[in-house]
Amino acid sequence: MFDALSGKPNREASDVVDALIGTEVEIQGNTAFSGSLRIGDKIKGDVTARGASSCTLIVSEHAEVQGNITAPRMIINGKIKGNVVYSERVELQSQARVTGDVCYDVIEVAPGAVIEGRLLRDARGQSGKAVVAKFKPATPGKGNS
């Protein structure tokens, strides 16, 4: 709750935004960032976190990324048309729409989020290859809605 050295409250990664691509902004071309980045509109190109494992990418509800995204931590509530190349932690909120593969270590999917692609659990530390998560389709009338 508080930083032991400074006495200041700790802030969650989603509370601290180093850069903002606001609404009414469209970027064409690849984008690289460090720290945290919140996207509020459109990016046509890959989005990549540089360096630090503390980087966070936030894709807001009305945002859309057409390209691959790479960041250690992601909170997605908009549209991604491309692969989530690697992420330690992916949070897909209720408005998230991902058309592409999602490679993750930890994933949280809210009801309403849609993934049209493969889920690849990153287990490279053991086998050197990502593992494809396989799910059985829901069967109507068996407790599924």
C-alpha atoms as a PDB file:
ATOM      1  CA  MET A   1       0.000   0.000   0.000  1.00  0.00           C
ATOM      2  CA  PHE A   2       2.815   2.444   0.843  1.00  0.00           C
ATOM      3  CA  ASP A   3       6.377   2.574  -0.430  1.00  0.00           C
ATOM      4  CA  ALA A   4       8.573   1.817   2.582  1.00  0.00           C
ATOM      5  CA  LEU A   5      11.291   4.313   1.632  1.00  0.00           C
ATOM      6  CA  SER A   6       9.284   7.334   0.529  1.00  0.00           C
ATOM      7  CA  GLY A   7       6.064   6.915   2.517  1.00  0.00           C
ATOM      8  CA  LYS A   8       4.106   7.608  -0.679  1.00  0.00           C
ATOM      9  CA  PRO A   9       1.252   5.384  -1.786  1.00  0.00           C
ATOM     10  CA  ASN A  10       2.158   2.740  -4.381  1.00  0.00           C
ATOM     11  CA  ARG A  11       0.290   3.098  -7.652  1.00  0.00           C
ATOM     12  CA  GLU A  12      -0.900   0.271  -9.862  1.00  0.00           C
ATOM     13  CA  ALA A  13       0.484   0.138 -13.423  1.00  0.00           C
ATOM     14  CA  SER A  14      -2.955   1.049 -14.818  1.00  0.00           C
ATOM     15  CA  ASP A  15      -2.998   4.205 -12.636  1.00  0.00           C
ATOM     16  CA  VAL A  16       0.267   5.549 -14.065  1.00  0.00           C
ATOM     17  CA  VAL A  17       0.331   6.454 -17.756  1.00  0.00           C
ATOM     18  CA  ASP A  18       3.574   7.762 -19.254  1.00  0.00           C
ATOM     19  CA  ALA A  19       2.143   8.307 -22.744  1.00  0.00           C
ATOM     20  CA  LEU A  20      -1.369   8.684 -24.134  1.00  0.00           C
ATOM     21  CA  ILE A  21      -2.608   8.333 -27.689  1.00  0.00           C
ATOM     22  CA  GLY A  22      -5.952  10.049 -27.261  1.00  0.00           C
ATOM     23  CA  THR A  23      -9.176   9.918 -29.190  1.00  0.00           C
ATOM     24  CA  GLU A  24      -9.249  11.572 -32.602  1.00  0.00           C
ATOM     25  CA  VAL A  25      -5.630  10.457 -33.175  1.00  0.00           C
ATOM     26  CA  GLU A  26      -4.655   7.885 -35.785  1.00  0.00           C
ATOM     27  CA  ILE A  27      -1.080   6.670 -36.113  1.00  0.00           C
ATOM     28  CA  GLN A  28       0.215   4.813 -39.148  1.00  0.00           C
ATOM     29  CA  GLY A  29       3.512   3.038 -38.604  1.00  0.00           C
ATOM     30  CA  ASN A  30       5.188   1.003 -35.907  1.00  0.00           C
ATOM     31  CA  THR A  31       5.185   2.397 -32.375  1.00  0.00           C
ATOM     32  CA  ALA A  32       7.708   1.648 -29.611  1.00  0.00           C
ATOM     33  CA  PHE A  33       7.313   2.748 -25.988  1.00  0.00           C
ATOM     34  CA  SER A  34       8.746   2.335 -22.509  1.00  0.00           C
ATOM     35  CA  GLY A  35       6.918   2.745 -19.222  1.00  0.00           C
ATOM     36  CA  SER A  36       3.201   2.647 -19.892  1.00  0.00           C
ATOM     37  CA  LEU A  37       1.130   3.572 -22.909  1.00  0.00           C
ATOM     38  CA  ARG A  38      -2.637   4.052 -23.150  1.00  0.00           C
ATOM     39  CA  ILE A  39      -4.144   3.899 -26.628  1.00  0.00           C
ATOM     40  CA  GLY A  40      -7.460   5.687 -27.093  1.00  0.00           C
ATOM     41  CA  ASP A  41      -7.898   5.569 -30.888  1.00  0.00           C
ATOM     42  CA  LYS A  42      -6.249   3.816 -33.874  1.00  0.00           C
ATOM     43  CA  ILE A  43      -2.778   2.539 -34.614  1.00  0.00           C
ATOM     44  CA  LYS A  44      -1.995   0.843 -37.914  1.00  0.00           C
ATOM     45  CA  GLY A  45       1.321  -0.860 -37.245  1.00  0.00           C
ATOM     46  CA  ASP A  46       3.044  -2.937 -34.601  1.00  0.00           C
ATOM     47  CA  VAL A  47       3.188  -1.704 -30.993  1.00  0.00           C
ATOM     48  CA  THR A  48       6.251  -2.829 -29.021  1.00  0.00           C
ATOM     49  CA  ALA A  49       7.422  -2.209 -25.460  1.00  0.00           C
ATOM     50  CA  ARG A  50      11.129  -1.420 -25.178  1.00  0.00           C
ATOM     51  CA  GLY A  51      13.324  -2.880 -22.506  1.00  0.00           C
ATOM     52  CA  ALA A  52      11.910  -2.901 -18.990  1.00  0.00           C
ATOM     53  CA  SER A  53       9.733  -5.722 -17.806  1.00  0.00           C
ATOM     54  CA  SER A  54       7.591  -3.111 -16.059  1.00  0.00           C
ATOM     55  CA  CYS A  55       6.056  -1.818 -19.333  1.00  0.00           C
ATOM     56  CA  THR A  56       2.265  -1.821 -19.566  1.00  0.00           C
ATOM     57  CA  LEU A  57       0.067  -1.358 -22.622  1.00  0.00           C
ATOM     58  CA  ILE A  58      -3.558  -0.286 -22.147  1.00  0.00           C
ATOM     59  CA  VAL A  59      -5.925  -0.472 -25.131  1.00  0.00           C
ATOM     60  CA  SER A  60      -9.061   1.515 -24.291  1.00  0.00           C
ATOM     61  CA  GLU A  61     -12.614   0.517 -25.177  1.00  0.00           C
ATOM     62  CA  HIS A  62     -12.868   2.508 -28.446  1.00  0.00           C
ATOM     63  CA  ALA A  63      -9.271   1.891 -29.543  1.00  0.00           C
ATOM     64  CA  GLU A  64      -8.104  -0.358 -32.350  1.00  0.00           C
ATOM     65  CA  VAL A  65      -4.639  -1.690 -33.147  1.00  0.00           C
ATOM     66  CA  GLN A  66      -4.035  -3.224 -36.570  1.00  0.00           C
ATOM     67  CA  GLY A  67      -0.718  -4.944 -36.042  1.00  0.00           C
ATOM     68  CA  ASN A  68       1.115  -7.198 -33.625  1.00  0.00           C
ATOM     69  CA  ILE A  69       1.562  -6.033 -30.053  1.00  0.00           C
ATOM     70  CA  THR A  70       4.358  -6.958 -27.679  1.00  0.00           C
ATOM     71  CA  ALA A  71       4.483  -5.881 -24.025  1.00  0.00           C
ATOM     72  CA  PRO A  72       5.048  -7.587 -20.676  1.00  0.00           C
ATOM     73  CA  ARG A  73       1.668  -6.481 -19.301  1.00  0.00           C
ATOM     74  CA  MET A  74      -1.474  -5.643 -21.252  1.00  0.00           C
ATOM     75  CA  ILE A  75      -4.954  -4.493 -20.377  1.00  0.00           C
ATOM     76  CA  ILE A  76      -7.120  -4.754 -23.481  1.00  0.00           C
ATOM     77  CA  ASN A  77     -10.670  -3.454 -23.778  1.00  0.00           C
ATOM     78  CA  GLY A  78     -10.595  -2.513 -27.485  1.00  0.00           C
ATOM     79  CA  LYS A  79      -9.860  -4.275 -30.779  1.00  0.00           C
ATOM     80  CA  ILE A  80      -6.599  -5.940 -31.758  1.00  0.00           C
ATOM     81  CA  LYS A  81      -6.241  -7.195 -35.335  1.00  0.00           C
ATOM     82  CA  GLY A  82      -2.915  -8.955 -35.034  1.00  0.00           C
ATOM     83  CA  ASN A  83      -1.051 -11.216 -32.668  1.00  0.00           C
ATOM     84  CA  VAL A  84      -0.344 -10.574 -29.023  1.00  0.00           C
ATOM     85  CA  VAL A  85       3.241 -11.704 -29.512  1.00  0.00           C
ATOM     86  CA  TYR A  86       4.261 -12.228 -25.883  1.00  0.00           C
ATOM     87  CA  SER A  87       2.935 -11.057 -22.620  1.00  0.00           C
ATOM     88  CA  GLU A  88       3.599 -12.055 -19.046  1.00  0.00           C
ATOM     89  CA  ARG A  89       0.069 -10.990 -18.134  1.00  0.00           C
ATOM     90  CA  VAL A  90      -2.882 -10.232 -20.395  1.00  0.00           C
ATOM     91  CA  GLU A  91      -6.156  -8.884 -19.077  1.00  0.00           C
ATOM     92  CA  LEU A  92      -8.964  -8.987 -21.637  1.00  0.00           C
ATOM     93  CA  GLN A  93     -11.824  -6.836 -20.428  1.00  0.00           C
ATOM     94  CA  SER A  94     -15.456  -7.229 -21.521  1.00  0.00           C
ATOM     95  CA  GLN A  95     -15.196  -5.150 -24.743  1.00  0.00           C
ATOM     96  CA  ALA A  96     -11.929  -6.776 -25.910  1.00  0.00           C
ATOM     97  CA  ARG A  97     -11.885  -8.252 -29.426  1.00  0.00           C
ATOM     98  CA  VAL A  98      -8.656  -9.994 -30.480  1.00  0.00           C
ATOM     99  CA  THR A  99      -8.353 -11.354 -34.015  1.00  0.00           C
ATOM    100  CA  GLY A 100      -5.046 -13.200 -33.834  1.00  0.00           C
ATOM    101  CA  ASP A 101      -3.049 -15.477 -31.574  1.00  0.00           C
ATOM    102  CA  VAL A 102      -2.447 -14.591 -27.923  1.00  0.00           C
ATOM    103  CA  CYS A 103       0.825 -15.743 -26.343  1.00  0.00           C
ATOM    104  CA  TYR A 104       0.747 -15.270 -22.560  1.00  0.00           C
ATOM    105  CA  ASP A 105       2.012 -16.473 -19.211  1.00  0.00           C
ATOM    106  CA  VAL A 106      -1.052 -15.415 -17.167  1.00  0.00           C
ATOM    107  CA  ILE A 107      -4.374 -14.487 -18.769  1.00  0.00           C
ATOM    108  CA  GLU A 108      -7.597 -13.067 -17.366  1.00  0.00           C
ATOM    109  CA  VAL A 109     -10.632 -13.017 -19.650  1.00  0.00           C
ATOM    110  CA  ALA A 110     -13.788 -11.134 -18.644  1.00  0.00           C
ATOM    111  CA  PRO A 111     -17.227 -12.299 -19.818  1.00  0.00           C
ATOM    112  CA  GLY A 112     -17.929 -10.748 -23.219  1.00  0.00           C
ATOM    113  CA  ALA A 113     -14.299 -10.690 -24.429  1.00  0.00           C
ATOM    114  CA  VAL A 114     -13.723 -12.408 -27.785  1.00  0.00           C
ATOM    115  CA  ILE A 115     -10.585 -14.135 -29.076  1.00  0.00           C
ATOM    116  CA  GLU A 116     -10.531 -15.304 -32.693  1.00  0.00           C
ATOM    117  CA  GLY A 117      -7.216 -17.116 -32.745  1.00  0.00           C
ATOM    118  CA  ARG A 118      -5.123 -19.492 -30.686  1.00  0.00           C
ATOM    119  CA  LEU A 119      -4.204 -19.154 -27.018  1.00  0.00           C
ATOM    120  CA  LEU A 120      -0.528 -20.003 -26.605  1.00  0.00           C
ATOM    121  CA  ARG A 121       0.630 -20.488 -23.041  1.00  0.00           C
ATOM    122  CA  ASP A 122       4.293 -19.554 -22.953  1.00  0.00           C
ATOM    123  CA  ALA A 123       6.114 -22.497 -21.444  1.00  0.00           C
ATOM    124  CA  ARG A 124       9.428 -21.886 -23.226  1.00  0.00           C
ATOM    125  CA  GLY A 125      11.384 -22.151 -20.004  1.00  0.00           C
ATOM    126  CA  GLN A 126      10.665 -25.895 -19.942  1.00  0.00           C
ATOM    127  CA  SER A 127      10.427 -27.089 -23.533  1.00  0.00           C
ATOM    128  CA  GLY A 128      11.623 -24.171 -25.654  1.00  0.00           C
ATOM    129  CA  LYS A 129       8.235 -23.972 -27.436  1.00  0.00           C
ATOM    130  CA  ALA A 130       4.953 -22.273 -26.631  1.00  0.00           C
ATOM    131  CA  VAL A 131       2.080 -24.640 -25.822  1.00  0.00           C
ATOM    132  CA  VAL A 132      -1.301 -24.306 -27.544  1.00  0.00           C
ATOM    133  CA  ALA A 133      -4.191 -24.307 -25.079  1.00  0.00           C
ATOM    134  CA  LYS A 134      -7.032 -26.518 -26.324  1.00  0.00           C
ATOM    135  CA  PHE A 135     -10.571 -26.097 -25.096  1.00  0.00           C
ATOM    136  CA  LYS A 136     -13.679 -28.175 -25.693  1.00  0.00           C
ATOM    137  CA  PRO A 137     -16.588 -26.295 -27.248  1.00  0.00           C
ATOM    138  CA  ALA A 138     -19.449 -25.504 -24.897  1.00  0.00           C
ATOM    139  CA  THR A 139     -22.388 -27.904 -25.199  1.00  0.00           C
ATOM    140  CA  PRO A 140     -25.824 -26.225 -25.042  1.00  0.00           C
ATOM    141  CA  GLY A 141     -27.973 -27.449 -22.166  1.00  0.00           C
ATOM    142  CA  LYS A 142     -25.074 -28.693 -20.026  1.00  0.00           C
ATOM    143  CA  GLY A 143     -24.862 -25.780 -17.624  1.00  0.00           C
ATOM    144  CA  ASN A 144     -23.457 -23.386 -20.237  1.00  0.00           C
ATOM    145  CA  SER A 145     -25.189 -20.176 -21.215  1.00  0.00           C
END
